[in-house]
C-alpha atoms as a PDB file:
ATOM      1  CA  UNK A   1      -6.516  65.428 -55.541  1.00  0.00           C
ATOM      2  CA  UNK A   2      -3.842  68.089 -55.073  1.00  0.00           C
ATOM      3  CA  UNK A   3      -0.425  68.236 -56.672  1.00  0.00           C
ATOM      4  CA  UNK A   4       2.782  67.878 -54.675  1.00  0.00           C
ATOM      5  CA  UNK A   5       6.209  69.422 -55.238  1.00  0.00           C
ATOM      6  CA  UNK A   6       9.164  67.044 -54.861  1.00  0.00           C
ATOM      7  CA  UNK A   7      12.712  67.807 -53.766  1.00  0.00           C
ATOM      8  CA  UNK A   8      13.620  68.213 -57.452  1.00  0.00           C
ATOM      9  CA  UNK A   9      12.199  71.768 -57.211  1.00  0.00           C
ATOM     10  CA  UNK A  10      14.746  74.453 -58.135  1.00  0.00           C
ATOM     11  CA  UNK A  11      12.552  77.304 -56.797  1.00  0.00           C
ATOM     12  CA  UNK A  12      12.219  79.011 -60.186  1.00  0.00           C
ATOM     13  CA  UNK A  13       8.618  80.125 -59.539  1.00  0.00           C
ATOM     14  CA  UNK A  14       7.205  78.929 -62.861  1.00  0.00           C
ATOM     15  CA  UNK A  15       4.555  76.874 -61.087  1.00  0.00           C
ATOM     16  CA  UNK A  16       3.369  79.724 -58.875  1.00  0.00           C
ATOM     17  CA  UNK A  17       3.026  82.123 -61.777  1.00  0.00           C
ATOM     18  CA  UNK A  18       0.811  79.691 -63.719  1.00  0.00           C
ATOM     19  CA  UNK A  19      -1.432  78.602 -60.838  1.00  0.00           C
ATOM     20  CA  UNK A  20      -4.970  79.980 -61.414  1.00  0.00           C
ATOM     21  CA  UNK A  21      -5.898  79.749 -57.725  1.00  0.00           C
ATOM     22  CA  UNK A  22      -2.634  81.140 -56.326  1.00  0.00           C
ATOM     23  CA  UNK A  23      -2.218  78.158 -54.027  1.00  0.00           C
ATOM     24  CA  UNK A  24       1.506  77.664 -54.656  1.00  0.00           C
ATOM     25  CA  UNK A  25       3.852  79.562 -52.365  1.00  0.00           C
ATOM     26  CA  UNK A  26       7.611  79.602 -51.883  1.00  0.00           C
ATOM     27  CA  UNK A  27       8.739  77.465 -48.949  1.00  0.00           C
ATOM     28  CA  UNK A  28      12.126  77.331 -47.271  1.00  0.00           C
ATOM     29  CA  UNK A  29      13.596  74.665 -49.582  1.00  0.00           C
ATOM     30  CA  UNK A  30      11.001  74.345 -52.375  1.00  0.00           C
ATOM     31  CA  UNK A  31       7.633  75.642 -53.507  1.00  0.00           C
ATOM     32  CA  UNK A  32       4.609  74.155 -51.736  1.00  0.00           C
ATOM     33  CA  UNK A  33       1.015  73.547 -52.843  1.00  0.00           C
ATOM     34  CA  UNK A  34      -1.846  74.353 -50.467  1.00  0.00           C
ATOM     35  CA  UNK A  35      -3.915  71.201 -51.017  1.00  0.00           C
ATOM     36  CA  UNK A  36      -7.064  72.836 -49.640  1.00  0.00           C
ATOM     37  CA  UNK A  37      -7.047  75.377 -52.508  1.00  0.00           C
ATOM     38  CA  UNK A  38      -5.674  73.216 -55.337  1.00  0.00           C
ATOM     39  CA  UNK A  39      -8.267  72.439 -58.031  1.00  0.00           C
ATOM     40  CA  UNK A  40      -6.069  69.785 -59.708  1.00  0.00           C
ATOM     41  CA  UNK A  41      -5.916  71.635 -63.033  1.00  0.00           C
ATOM     42  CA  UNK A  42      -2.334  70.520 -63.753  1.00  0.00           C
ATOM     43  CA  UNK A  43      -1.105  73.932 -64.947  1.00  0.00           C
ATOM     44  CA  UNK A  44       1.789  73.817 -62.486  1.00  0.00           C
ATOM     45  CA  UNK A  45       2.831  70.352 -63.576  1.00  0.00           C
ATOM     46  CA  UNK A  46       3.149  71.463 -67.186  1.00  0.00           C
ATOM     47  CA  UNK A  47       5.039  74.640 -66.241  1.00  0.00           C
ATOM     48  CA  UNK A  48       7.693  72.960 -64.107  1.00  0.00           C
ATOM     49  CA  UNK A  49      10.998  72.681 -65.997  1.00  0.00           C
ATOM     50  CA  UNK A  50      12.313  69.879 -63.793  1.00  0.00           C
ATOM     51  CA  UNK A  51       9.167  67.744 -63.567  1.00  0.00           C
ATOM     52  CA  UNK A  52       9.105  68.218 -59.792  1.00  0.00           C
ATOM     53  CA  UNK A  53       5.306  68.501 -59.577  1.00  0.00           C
ATOM     54  CA  UNK A  54       3.084  65.438 -59.697  1.00  0.00           C
ATOM     55  CA  UNK A  55      -0.470  64.591 -58.587  1.00  0.00           C
ATOM     56  CA  UNK A  56      -0.611  63.221 -55.042  1.00  0.00           C
END
């Protein structure tokens, strides 16, 4: 199960820098998780200062 970034994302990049698989990339309005590469480790969820990342 991949994680998903909500609209609460402030595009700080904390999630992308902690992702061990590099599957989080900056989108036009928020960061986005490539579900096909996500290993559901939860590192991004813990790094997000706004709580914008949750398991799908």
